[in-house]
Amino acid sequence: MRPSDLGLPCKFSTFRRHQREALEWLTTACEQPISAACLPTGSGKTAIAMALAQLTNVKAVYLVATKQLQSQVLKDFASMGMVTSAGAPTTAVPTTAIASADTRKSAVCPTPAGASMPTR
């Protein structure tokens, strides 16, 4: 399975091994309704969360602690419907930023030939 198979933005071309393992565990072995990932900065926690939301067909809430991370997440996942708690993709939210994604939206990724390939 590739990130594009789940509608993740084109910048996520493949899952890293630990991301695949986390998704496998979360979708098959985890019996808890709420899960948390404790991974280092830059390890792809947001991609795991967005992929999991797509696999389980749920709306997700993603919490961030800084404006910088809020901006990064909104930029990376705008094509999937990521918005702030105020409902806008660029609206600043005071203190802790809250963002959610409507996982029912589709994205379009360009193919190397320049055509476009719809994804879900």
N, C-alpha and C. Protein backbone atom coordinates (compact mmCIF):
# COMPACT_ATOMS: atom_id res chain seq x y z
N MET A 1 0.84 -1.17 0.00
CA MET A 1 0.00 0.00 0.00
C MET A 1 0.90 1.24 0.00
N ARG A 2 0.52 2.21 -0.82
CA ARG A 2 1.24 3.47 -0.91
C ARG A 2 0.39 4.59 -0.31
N PRO A 3 1.03 5.66 0.15
CA PRO A 3 0.26 6.78 0.67
C PRO A 3 -0.76 7.32 -0.33
N SER A 4 -0.40 7.34 -1.61
CA SER A 4 -1.32 7.86 -2.62
C SER A 4 -2.57 6.98 -2.75
N ASP A 5 -2.47 5.70 -2.39
CA ASP A 5 -3.64 4.82 -2.41
C ASP A 5 -4.69 5.27 -1.40
N LEU A 6 -4.24 6.01 -0.39
CA LEU A 6 -5.14 6.50 0.67
C LEU A 6 -5.47 7.97 0.51
N GLY A 7 -5.03 8.57 -0.57
CA GLY A 7 -5.33 9.97 -0.81
C GLY A 7 -4.38 10.94 -0.13
N LEU A 8 -3.27 10.45 0.43
CA LEU A 8 -2.31 11.36 1.05
C LEU A 8 -1.63 12.19 -0.04
N PRO A 9 -1.17 13.38 0.31
CA PRO A 9 -0.52 14.26 -0.68
C PRO A 9 0.67 13.58 -1.36
N CYS A 10 0.95 14.03 -2.56
CA CYS A 10 1.99 13.43 -3.40
C CYS A 10 3.38 13.47 -2.78
N LYS A 11 3.62 14.41 -1.86
CA LYS A 11 4.95 14.48 -1.24
C LYS A 11 5.26 13.24 -0.41
N PHE A 12 4.23 12.47 -0.05
CA PHE A 12 4.41 11.22 0.70
C PHE A 12 4.36 10.07 -0.31
N SER A 13 5.50 9.75 -0.91
CA SER A 13 5.51 8.76 -1.99
C SER A 13 5.50 7.32 -1.48
N THR A 14 6.11 7.08 -0.34
CA THR A 14 6.11 5.74 0.24
C THR A 14 6.02 5.86 1.76
N PHE A 15 5.55 4.79 2.40
CA PHE A 15 5.59 4.74 3.86
C PHE A 15 6.94 4.20 4.28
N ARG A 16 7.48 4.76 5.35
CA ARG A 16 8.70 4.20 5.95
C ARG A 16 8.32 2.92 6.69
N ARG A 17 9.31 2.08 6.96
CA ARG A 17 9.04 0.79 7.60
C ARG A 17 8.26 0.96 8.91
N HIS A 18 8.69 1.89 9.77
CA HIS A 18 8.00 2.06 11.06
C HIS A 18 6.57 2.59 10.86
N GLN A 19 6.34 3.36 9.79
CA GLN A 19 4.98 3.84 9.52
C GLN A 19 4.09 2.67 9.08
N ARG A 20 4.61 1.79 8.21
CA ARG A 20 3.84 0.61 7.80
C ARG A 20 3.54 -0.29 8.99
N GLU A 21 4.53 -0.49 9.86
CA GLU A 21 4.33 -1.33 11.04
C GLU A 21 3.29 -0.72 11.98
N ALA A 22 3.33 0.59 12.17
CA ALA A 22 2.35 1.26 13.04
C ALA A 22 0.95 1.12 12.47
N LEU A 23 0.80 1.34 11.17
CA LEU A 23 -0.52 1.21 10.54
C LEU A 23 -1.03 -0.22 10.62
N GLU A 24 -0.15 -1.17 10.42
CA GLU A 24 -0.54 -2.58 10.52
C GLU A 24 -1.04 -2.90 11.93
N TRP A 25 -0.28 -2.46 12.93
CA TRP A 25 -0.67 -2.73 14.31
C TRP A 25 -1.97 -2.02 14.66
N LEU A 26 -2.10 -0.76 14.27
CA LEU A 26 -3.30 0.01 14.60
C LEU A 26 -4.56 -0.56 13.95
N THR A 27 -4.42 -1.15 12.78
CA THR A 27 -5.60 -1.66 12.07
C THR A 27 -5.89 -3.13 12.34
N THR A 28 -4.95 -3.85 12.95
CA THR A 28 -5.19 -5.28 13.18
C THR A 28 -5.10 -5.70 14.64
N ALA A 29 -4.12 -5.20 15.38
CA ALA A 29 -3.88 -5.71 16.73
C ALA A 29 -4.34 -4.78 17.85
N CYS A 30 -4.42 -3.51 17.58
CA CYS A 30 -4.79 -2.55 18.62
C CYS A 30 -6.28 -2.66 18.91
N GLU A 31 -6.61 -2.87 20.18
CA GLU A 31 -8.01 -3.01 20.57
C GLU A 31 -8.54 -1.78 21.31
N GLN A 32 -7.72 -0.74 21.43
CA GLN A 32 -8.11 0.47 22.15
C GLN A 32 -8.79 1.46 21.20
N PRO A 33 -9.86 2.12 21.64
CA PRO A 33 -10.52 3.10 20.77
C PRO A 33 -9.71 4.38 20.58
N ILE A 34 -8.80 4.67 21.50
CA ILE A 34 -7.95 5.86 21.40
C ILE A 34 -6.50 5.40 21.48
N SER A 35 -5.68 5.86 20.54
CA SER A 35 -4.28 5.46 20.51
C SER A 35 -3.40 6.70 20.41
N ALA A 36 -2.16 6.57 20.85
CA ALA A 36 -1.20 7.67 20.77
C ALA A 36 0.11 7.14 20.23
N ALA A 37 0.81 7.96 19.47
CA ALA A 37 2.11 7.57 18.93
C ALA A 37 3.18 8.43 19.59
N CYS A 38 4.21 7.78 20.08
CA CYS A 38 5.33 8.48 20.68
C CYS A 38 6.54 8.23 19.78
N LEU A 39 6.73 9.12 18.83
CA LEU A 39 7.81 9.00 17.86
C LEU A 39 8.55 10.33 17.78
N PRO A 40 9.83 10.30 17.37
CA PRO A 40 10.60 11.54 17.32
C PRO A 40 10.11 12.52 16.24
N THR A 41 10.54 13.75 16.37
CA THR A 41 10.24 14.79 15.40
C THR A 41 10.69 14.33 14.01
N GLY A 42 9.83 14.55 13.03
CA GLY A 42 10.17 14.21 11.65
C GLY A 42 9.97 12.75 11.28
N SER A 43 9.39 11.96 12.17
CA SER A 43 9.24 10.53 11.89
C SER A 43 7.97 10.20 11.11
N GLY A 44 7.09 11.17 10.94
CA GLY A 44 5.90 10.93 10.12
C GLY A 44 4.65 10.59 10.89
N LYS A 45 4.52 11.14 12.09
CA LYS A 45 3.32 10.85 12.91
C LYS A 45 2.05 11.35 12.23
N THR A 46 2.11 12.53 11.61
CA THR A 46 0.92 13.07 10.97
C THR A 46 0.50 12.20 9.79
N ALA A 47 1.45 11.73 9.01
CA ALA A 47 1.13 10.84 7.89
C ALA A 47 0.48 9.55 8.39
N ILE A 48 0.97 9.02 9.51
CA ILE A 48 0.36 7.82 10.09
C ILE A 48 -1.07 8.12 10.50
N ALA A 49 -1.28 9.25 11.18
CA ALA A 49 -2.62 9.61 11.64
C ALA A 49 -3.58 9.81 10.47
N MET A 50 -3.14 10.50 9.44
CA MET A 50 -4.01 10.74 8.28
C MET A 50 -4.29 9.45 7.53
N ALA A 51 -3.29 8.59 7.40
CA ALA A 51 -3.50 7.30 6.74
C ALA A 51 -4.48 6.45 7.54
N LEU A 52 -4.35 6.45 8.85
CA LEU A 52 -5.25 5.68 9.70
C LEU A 52 -6.69 6.20 9.57
N ALA A 53 -6.85 7.52 9.52
CA ALA A 53 -8.18 8.09 9.35
C ALA A 53 -8.78 7.65 8.02
N GLN A 54 -7.96 7.59 6.98
CA GLN A 54 -8.44 7.14 5.68
C GLN A 54 -8.81 5.65 5.72
N LEU A 55 -7.96 4.85 6.34
CA LEU A 55 -8.21 3.39 6.40
C LEU A 55 -9.47 3.06 7.19
N THR A 56 -9.75 3.85 8.21
CA THR A 56 -10.91 3.56 9.07
C THR A 56 -12.12 4.41 8.70
N ASN A 57 -11.96 5.30 7.71
CA ASN A 57 -13.04 6.15 7.22
C ASN A 57 -13.71 6.96 8.33
N VAL A 58 -12.88 7.63 9.12
CA VAL A 58 -13.39 8.48 10.20
C VAL A 58 -12.87 9.90 10.03
N LYS A 59 -13.56 10.84 10.67
CA LYS A 59 -13.02 12.18 10.77
C LYS A 59 -12.02 12.16 11.91
N ALA A 60 -10.94 12.91 11.75
CA ALA A 60 -9.88 12.90 12.75
C ALA A 60 -9.63 14.30 13.27
N VAL A 61 -9.20 14.38 14.50
CA VAL A 61 -8.77 15.64 15.10
C VAL A 61 -7.28 15.50 15.36
N TYR A 62 -6.52 16.46 14.91
CA TYR A 62 -5.07 16.42 15.08
C TYR A 62 -4.66 17.66 15.85
N LEU A 63 -4.06 17.48 17.01
CA LEU A 63 -3.67 18.59 17.87
C LEU A 63 -2.19 18.90 17.70
N VAL A 64 -1.87 20.18 17.66
CA VAL A 64 -0.48 20.61 17.57
C VAL A 64 -0.22 21.65 18.65
N ALA A 65 1.04 21.80 19.03
CA ALA A 65 1.38 22.69 20.14
C ALA A 65 1.93 24.04 19.69
N THR A 66 2.30 24.17 18.42
CA THR A 66 2.88 25.44 17.97
C THR A 66 2.23 25.91 16.68
N LYS A 67 2.30 27.22 16.46
CA LYS A 67 1.79 27.81 15.22
C LYS A 67 2.58 27.29 14.01
N GLN A 68 3.89 27.11 14.19
CA GLN A 68 4.73 26.64 13.10
C GLN A 68 4.28 25.26 12.66
N LEU A 69 4.03 24.36 13.60
CA LEU A 69 3.59 23.02 13.25
C LEU A 69 2.18 23.05 12.66
N GLN A 70 1.33 23.94 13.18
CA GLN A 70 -0.01 24.09 12.62
C GLN A 70 0.09 24.47 11.14
N SER A 71 0.93 25.44 10.82
CA SER A 71 1.11 25.88 9.44
C SER A 71 1.61 24.75 8.56
N GLN A 72 2.58 23.99 9.07
CA GLN A 72 3.14 22.87 8.30
C GLN A 72 2.09 21.81 8.02
N VAL A 73 1.33 21.43 9.03
CA VAL A 73 0.30 20.39 8.87
C VAL A 73 -0.79 20.86 7.91
N LEU A 74 -1.22 22.11 8.06
CA LEU A 74 -2.24 22.65 7.17
C LEU A 74 -1.74 22.69 5.73
N LYS A 75 -0.50 23.07 5.54
CA LYS A 75 0.08 23.11 4.19
C LYS A 75 0.19 21.71 3.60
N ASP A 76 0.69 20.78 4.39
CA ASP A 76 0.91 19.42 3.89
C ASP A 76 -0.39 18.69 3.57
N PHE A 77 -1.46 18.95 4.34
CA PHE A 77 -2.67 18.15 4.19
C PHE A 77 -3.90 18.95 3.76
N ALA A 78 -3.71 20.15 3.22
CA ALA A 78 -4.83 20.97 2.73
C ALA A 78 -5.62 20.22 1.66
N SER A 79 -4.93 19.45 0.82
CA SER A 79 -5.61 18.73 -0.26
C SER A 79 -6.56 17.65 0.26
N MET A 80 -6.40 17.27 1.54
CA MET A 80 -7.27 16.26 2.13
C MET A 80 -8.40 16.90 2.96
N GLY A 81 -8.47 18.21 2.95
CA GLY A 81 -9.53 18.88 3.69
C GLY A 81 -9.14 19.30 5.09
N MET A 82 -7.86 19.33 5.40
CA MET A 82 -7.40 19.74 6.72
C MET A 82 -7.73 21.21 6.94
N VAL A 83 -8.37 21.51 8.03
CA VAL A 83 -8.73 22.89 8.39
C VAL A 83 -8.44 23.12 9.86
N THR A 84 -8.44 24.39 10.27
CA THR A 84 -8.30 24.70 11.69
C THR A 84 -9.64 24.49 12.37
N SER A 85 -9.65 24.58 13.67
CA SER A 85 -10.90 24.42 14.41
C SER A 85 -11.89 25.52 14.05
N ALA A 86 -11.41 26.62 13.51
CA ALA A 86 -12.28 27.70 13.07
C ALA A 86 -12.88 27.40 11.70
N GLY A 87 -12.44 26.31 11.08
CA GLY A 87 -13.01 25.89 9.81
C GLY A 87 -12.32 26.43 8.58
N ALA A 88 -11.24 27.16 8.75
CA ALA A 88 -10.52 27.72 7.61
C ALA A 88 -9.11 27.16 7.53
N PRO A 89 -8.60 26.97 6.32
CA PRO A 89 -7.26 26.39 6.19
C PRO A 89 -6.14 27.31 6.65
N THR A 90 -6.38 28.61 6.78
CA THR A 90 -5.29 29.52 7.15
C THR A 90 -5.60 30.37 8.38
N THR A 91 -6.73 30.17 9.00
CA THR A 91 -7.09 30.98 10.17
C THR A 91 -6.22 30.60 11.37
N ALA A 92 -5.65 31.59 12.02
CA ALA A 92 -4.84 31.32 13.21
C ALA A 92 -5.76 31.01 14.38
N VAL A 93 -5.36 30.05 15.20
CA VAL A 93 -6.12 29.67 16.38
C VAL A 93 -5.26 29.98 17.60
N PRO A 94 -5.78 30.73 18.58
CA PRO A 94 -4.98 31.08 19.76
C PRO A 94 -4.54 29.84 20.54
N THR A 95 -3.44 29.98 21.26
CA THR A 95 -2.85 28.93 22.10
C THR A 95 -2.67 27.65 21.30
N THR A 96 -3.10 26.52 21.82
CA THR A 96 -2.90 25.26 21.12
C THR A 96 -3.78 25.21 19.88
N ALA A 97 -3.18 24.88 18.76
CA ALA A 97 -3.92 24.82 17.51
C ALA A 97 -4.62 23.48 17.38
N ILE A 98 -5.81 23.51 16.84
CA ILE A 98 -6.58 22.29 16.63
C ILE A 98 -6.92 22.22 15.15
N ALA A 99 -6.68 21.09 14.53
CA ALA A 99 -6.99 20.93 13.11
C ALA A 99 -7.73 19.62 12.93
N SER A 100 -8.63 19.57 11.96
CA SER A 100 -9.35 18.34 11.66
C SER A 100 -9.34 18.10 10.18
N ALA A 101 -9.63 16.87 9.78
CA ALA A 101 -9.63 16.51 8.37
C ALA A 101 -10.91 15.79 8.02
N ASP A 102 -11.50 16.15 6.91
CA ASP A 102 -12.64 15.41 6.38
C ASP A 102 -12.04 14.38 5.45
N THR A 103 -11.98 13.14 5.88
CA THR A 103 -11.29 12.10 5.13
C THR A 103 -12.06 11.62 3.92
N ARG A 104 -13.23 12.18 3.67
CA ARG A 104 -14.01 11.74 2.52
C ARG A 104 -13.65 12.49 1.25
N LYS A 105 -12.73 13.43 1.32
CA LYS A 105 -12.33 14.19 0.13
C LYS A 105 -11.28 13.42 -0.65
N SER A 106 -11.20 13.68 -1.94
CA SER A 106 -10.21 13.04 -2.79
C SER A 106 -9.13 14.04 -3.16
N ALA A 107 -7.99 13.52 -3.57
CA ALA A 107 -6.89 14.35 -4.03
C ALA A 107 -6.52 13.93 -5.45
N VAL A 108 -5.80 14.79 -6.14
CA VAL A 108 -5.33 14.44 -7.47
C VAL A 108 -3.82 14.60 -7.46
N CYS A 109 -3.10 13.53 -7.81
CA CYS A 109 -1.65 13.56 -7.84
C CYS A 109 -1.18 13.55 -9.28
N PRO A 110 -0.21 14.41 -9.64
CA PRO A 110 0.30 14.38 -11.01
C PRO A 110 1.14 13.13 -11.24
N THR A 111 1.01 12.55 -12.41
CA THR A 111 1.85 11.42 -12.79
C THR A 111 3.10 11.95 -13.46
N PRO A 112 4.14 11.13 -13.59
CA PRO A 112 5.37 11.62 -14.24
C PRO A 112 5.11 12.14 -15.65
N ALA A 113 4.11 11.61 -16.34
CA ALA A 113 3.83 12.05 -17.71
C ALA A 113 3.11 13.39 -17.74
N GLY A 114 2.75 13.93 -16.58
CA GLY A 114 2.07 15.21 -16.52
C GLY A 114 0.57 15.09 -16.47
N ALA A 115 0.03 13.87 -16.61
CA ALA A 115 -1.40 13.67 -16.48
C ALA A 115 -1.74 13.68 -15.00
N SER A 116 -3.00 13.55 -14.67
CA SER A 116 -3.36 13.47 -13.27
C SER A 116 -4.04 12.16 -12.97
N MET A 117 -3.83 11.69 -11.75
CA MET A 117 -4.35 10.41 -11.33
C MET A 117 -5.20 10.62 -10.09
N PRO A 118 -6.54 10.45 -10.17
CA PRO A 118 -7.35 10.63 -8.97
C PRO A 118 -7.05 9.56 -7.94
N THR A 119 -7.05 9.94 -6.69
CA THR A 119 -6.83 8.99 -5.60
C THR A 119 -7.93 9.15 -4.58
N ARG A 120 -8.12 8.18 -3.77
CA ARG A 120 -9.11 8.22 -2.69
C ARG A 120 -8.43 7.86 -1.42
